[in-house]
Amino acid sequence: MYFQHSTLDPIGYWIRFEKTAEGVIGYAKFYDTTMGQDVRKMAKDANSIIGGFSIGFTSNDYEDIIAEYRDWE
Protein backbone atom coordinates (compact mmCIF):
# COMPACT_ATOMS: atom_id res chain seq x y z
CA MET A 1 0.00 0.00 0.00
CA TYR A 2 1.27 3.42 -0.89
CA PHE A 3 0.25 6.81 0.46
CA GLN A 4 -1.22 8.93 -2.34
CA HIS A 5 -0.01 6.36 -4.93
CA SER A 6 3.65 7.24 -4.21
CA THR A 7 6.02 4.27 -4.26
CA LEU A 8 8.30 6.42 -2.11
CA ASP A 9 5.71 6.34 0.72
CA PRO A 10 4.79 2.73 1.55
CA ILE A 11 2.35 2.53 4.46
CA GLY A 12 1.58 -1.20 4.58
CA TYR A 13 0.52 -4.18 2.51
CA TRP A 14 -2.66 -6.00 1.53
CA ILE A 15 -3.32 -9.36 3.18
CA ARG A 16 -6.41 -10.46 1.24
CA PHE A 17 -9.53 -9.27 -0.55
CA GLU A 18 -13.10 -10.53 -0.47
CA LYS A 19 -15.73 -9.85 -3.14
CA THR A 20 -19.14 -9.10 -1.63
CA ALA A 21 -22.49 -7.92 -2.93
CA GLU A 22 -21.54 -4.40 -1.77
CA GLY A 23 -18.10 -4.40 -3.40
CA VAL A 24 -14.61 -5.48 -2.41
CA ILE A 25 -13.39 -5.67 1.19
CA GLY A 26 -9.64 -5.42 1.66
CA TYR A 27 -7.69 -6.52 4.71
CA ALA A 28 -4.36 -4.81 5.27
CA LYS A 29 -1.42 -4.57 7.62
CA PHE A 30 -0.19 -1.02 8.23
CA TYR A 31 3.48 -0.52 8.93
CA ASP A 32 4.48 0.69 12.37
CA THR A 33 5.69 4.02 11.01
CA THR A 34 4.35 7.47 11.73
CA MET A 35 2.66 7.74 8.34
CA GLY A 36 1.37 4.16 8.39
CA GLN A 37 -0.20 4.57 11.81
CA ASP A 38 -1.58 8.03 11.00
CA VAL A 39 -3.35 6.69 7.90
CA ARG A 40 -4.61 3.66 9.85
CA LYS A 41 -6.10 5.92 12.54
CA MET A 42 -7.71 8.21 9.96
CA ALA A 43 -9.18 5.26 8.06
CA LYS A 44 -10.78 3.93 11.26
CA ASP A 45 -12.31 7.31 12.15
CA ALA A 46 -15.89 7.50 10.83
CA ASN A 47 -15.55 11.27 10.40
CA SER A 48 -12.28 11.02 8.48
CA ILE A 49 -11.67 12.48 5.05
CA ILE A 50 -10.42 9.02 4.02
CA GLY A 51 -13.47 7.36 2.51
CA GLY A 52 -11.69 4.40 0.96
CA PHE A 53 -8.58 3.11 -0.73
CA SER A 54 -7.80 2.62 -4.38
CA ILE A 55 -6.26 -0.66 -5.46
CA GLY A 56 -4.68 -1.85 -8.68
CA PHE A 57 -5.42 -5.34 -9.88
CA THR A 58 -5.48 -7.62 -12.90
CA SER A 59 -8.65 -9.60 -13.50
CA ASN A 60 -8.54 -13.27 -14.40
CA ASP A 61 -12.22 -12.99 -15.34
CA TYR A 62 -11.85 -10.54 -18.22
CA GLU A 63 -14.45 -12.18 -20.47
CA ASP A 64 -17.24 -11.44 -17.98
CA ILE A 65 -16.02 -7.88 -17.59
CA ILE A 66 -16.07 -7.35 -21.37
CA ALA A 67 -19.56 -8.88 -21.62
CA GLU A 68 -20.76 -6.69 -18.76
CA TYR A 69 -19.30 -3.60 -20.47
CA ARG A 70 -21.11 -4.42 -23.70
CA ASP A 71 -24.39 -4.54 -21.77
CA TRP A 72 -23.83 -0.90 -20.76
CA GLU A 73 -23.70 0.30 -24.36
C-alpha atoms as a PDB file:
ATOM      1  CA  MET A   1       0.000   0.000   0.000  1.00  0.00           C
ATOM      2  CA  TYR A   2       1.270   3.424  -0.885  1.00  0.00           C
ATOM      3  CA  PHE A   3       0.252   6.808   0.462  1.00  0.00           C
ATOM      4  CA  GLN A   4      -1.215   8.932  -2.336  1.00  0.00           C
ATOM      5  CA  HIS A   5      -0.008   6.363  -4.930  1.00  0.00           C
ATOM      6  CA  SER A   6       3.650   7.235  -4.209  1.00  0.00           C
ATOM      7  CA  THR A   7       6.016   4.271  -4.256  1.00  0.00           C
ATOM      8  CA  LEU A   8       8.297   6.418  -2.109  1.00  0.00           C
ATOM      9  CA  ASP A   9       5.708   6.343   0.717  1.00  0.00           C
ATOM     10  CA  PRO A  10       4.787   2.726   1.548  1.00  0.00           C
ATOM     11  CA  ILE A  11       2.348   2.528   4.465  1.00  0.00           C
ATOM     12  CA  GLY A  12       1.581  -1.202   4.583  1.00  0.00           C
ATOM     13  CA  TYR A  13       0.517  -4.184   2.511  1.00  0.00           C
ATOM     14  CA  TRP A  14      -2.663  -5.998   1.535  1.00  0.00           C
ATOM     15  CA  ILE A  15      -3.318  -9.361   3.177  1.00  0.00           C
ATOM     16  CA  ARG A  16      -6.409 -10.459   1.241  1.00  0.00           C
ATOM     17  CA  PHE A  17      -9.534  -9.269  -0.552  1.00  0.00           C
ATOM     18  CA  GLU A  18     -13.105 -10.529  -0.473  1.00  0.00           C
ATOM     19  CA  LYS A  19     -15.727  -9.852  -3.135  1.00  0.00           C
ATOM     20  CA  THR A  20     -19.138  -9.098  -1.633  1.00  0.00           C
ATOM     21  CA  ALA A  21     -22.487  -7.917  -2.928  1.00  0.00           C
ATOM     22  CA  GLU A  22     -21.540  -4.402  -1.767  1.00  0.00           C
ATOM     23  CA  GLY A  23     -18.097  -4.402  -3.405  1.00  0.00           C
ATOM     24  CA  VAL A  24     -14.606  -5.480  -2.408  1.00  0.00           C
ATOM     25  CA  ILE A  25     -13.393  -5.666   1.186  1.00  0.00           C
ATOM     26  CA  GLY A  26      -9.640  -5.416   1.657  1.00  0.00           C
ATOM     27  CA  TYR A  27      -7.686  -6.521   4.711  1.00  0.00           C
ATOM     28  CA  ALA A  28      -4.363  -4.810   5.267  1.00  0.00           C
ATOM     29  CA  LYS A  29      -1.422  -4.570   7.620  1.00  0.00           C
ATOM     30  CA  PHE A  30      -0.191  -1.022   8.228  1.00  0.00           C
ATOM     31  CA  TYR A  31       3.481  -0.523   8.925  1.00  0.00           C
ATOM     32  CA  ASP A  32       4.482   0.688  12.368  1.00  0.00           C
ATOM     33  CA  THR A  33       5.687   4.023  11.005  1.00  0.00           C
ATOM     34  CA  THR A  34       4.351   7.471  11.733  1.00  0.00           C
ATOM     35  CA  MET A  35       2.657   7.742   8.336  1.00  0.00           C
ATOM     36  CA  GLY A  36       1.370   4.157   8.386  1.00  0.00           C
ATOM     37  CA  GLN A  37      -0.197   4.574  11.806  1.00  0.00           C
ATOM     38  CA  ASP A  38      -1.580   8.031  10.999  1.00  0.00           C
ATOM     39  CA  VAL A  39      -3.354   6.689   7.895  1.00  0.00           C
ATOM     40  CA  ARG A  40      -4.611   3.659   9.851  1.00  0.00           C
ATOM     41  CA  LYS A  41      -6.101   5.923  12.540  1.00  0.00           C
ATOM     42  CA  MET A  42      -7.705   8.208   9.962  1.00  0.00           C
ATOM     43  CA  ALA A  43      -9.177   5.255   8.064  1.00  0.00           C
ATOM     44  CA  LYS A  44     -10.784   3.926  11.257  1.00  0.00           C
ATOM     45  CA  ASP A  45     -12.311   7.308  12.147  1.00  0.00           C
ATOM     46  CA  ALA A  46     -15.886   7.498  10.832  1.00  0.00           C
ATOM     47  CA  ASN A  47     -15.551  11.274  10.395  1.00  0.00           C
ATOM     48  CA  SER A  48     -12.276  11.018   8.476  1.00  0.00           C
ATOM     49  CA  ILE A  49     -11.670  12.476   5.049  1.00  0.00           C
ATOM     50  CA  ILE A  50     -10.419   9.020   4.019  1.00  0.00           C
ATOM     51  CA  GLY A  51     -13.472   7.355   2.512  1.00  0.00           C
ATOM     52  CA  GLY A  52     -11.689   4.398   0.962  1.00  0.00           C
ATOM     53  CA  PHE A  53      -8.576   3.114  -0.726  1.00  0.00           C
ATOM     54  CA  SER A  54      -7.805   2.615  -4.384  1.00  0.00           C
ATOM     55  CA  ILE A  55      -6.264  -0.657  -5.464  1.00  0.00           C
ATOM     56  CA  GLY A  56      -4.682  -1.849  -8.685  1.00  0.00           C
ATOM     57  CA  PHE A  57      -5.421  -5.343  -9.884  1.00  0.00           C
ATOM     58  CA  THR A  58      -5.478  -7.620 -12.897  1.00  0.00           C
ATOM     59  CA  SER A  59      -8.654  -9.596 -13.500  1.00  0.00           C
ATOM     60  CA  ASN A  60      -8.535 -13.269 -14.404  1.00  0.00           C
ATOM     61  CA  ASP A  61     -12.217 -12.994 -15.336  1.00  0.00           C
ATOM     62  CA  TYR A  62     -11.846 -10.544 -18.219  1.00  0.00           C
ATOM     63  CA  GLU A  63     -14.450 -12.176 -20.475  1.00  0.00           C
ATOM     64  CA  ASP A  64     -17.240 -11.442 -17.980  1.00  0.00           C
ATOM     65  CA  ILE A  65     -16.020  -7.877 -17.594  1.00  0.00           C
ATOM     66  CA  ILE A  66     -16.072  -7.351 -21.368  1.00  0.00           C
ATOM     67  CA  ALA A  67     -19.564  -8.880 -21.623  1.00  0.00           C
ATOM     68  CA  GLU A  68     -20.756  -6.691 -18.764  1.00  0.00           C
ATOM     69  CA  TYR A  69     -19.298  -3.600 -20.468  1.00  0.00           C
ATOM     70  CA  ARG A  70     -21.108  -4.422 -23.701  1.00  0.00           C
ATOM     71  CA  ASP A  71     -24.390  -4.539 -21.771  1.00  0.00           C
ATOM     72  CA  TRP A  72     -23.834  -0.901 -20.758  1.00  0.00           C
ATOM     73  CA  GLU A  73     -23.705   0.304 -24.359  1.00  0.00           C
END
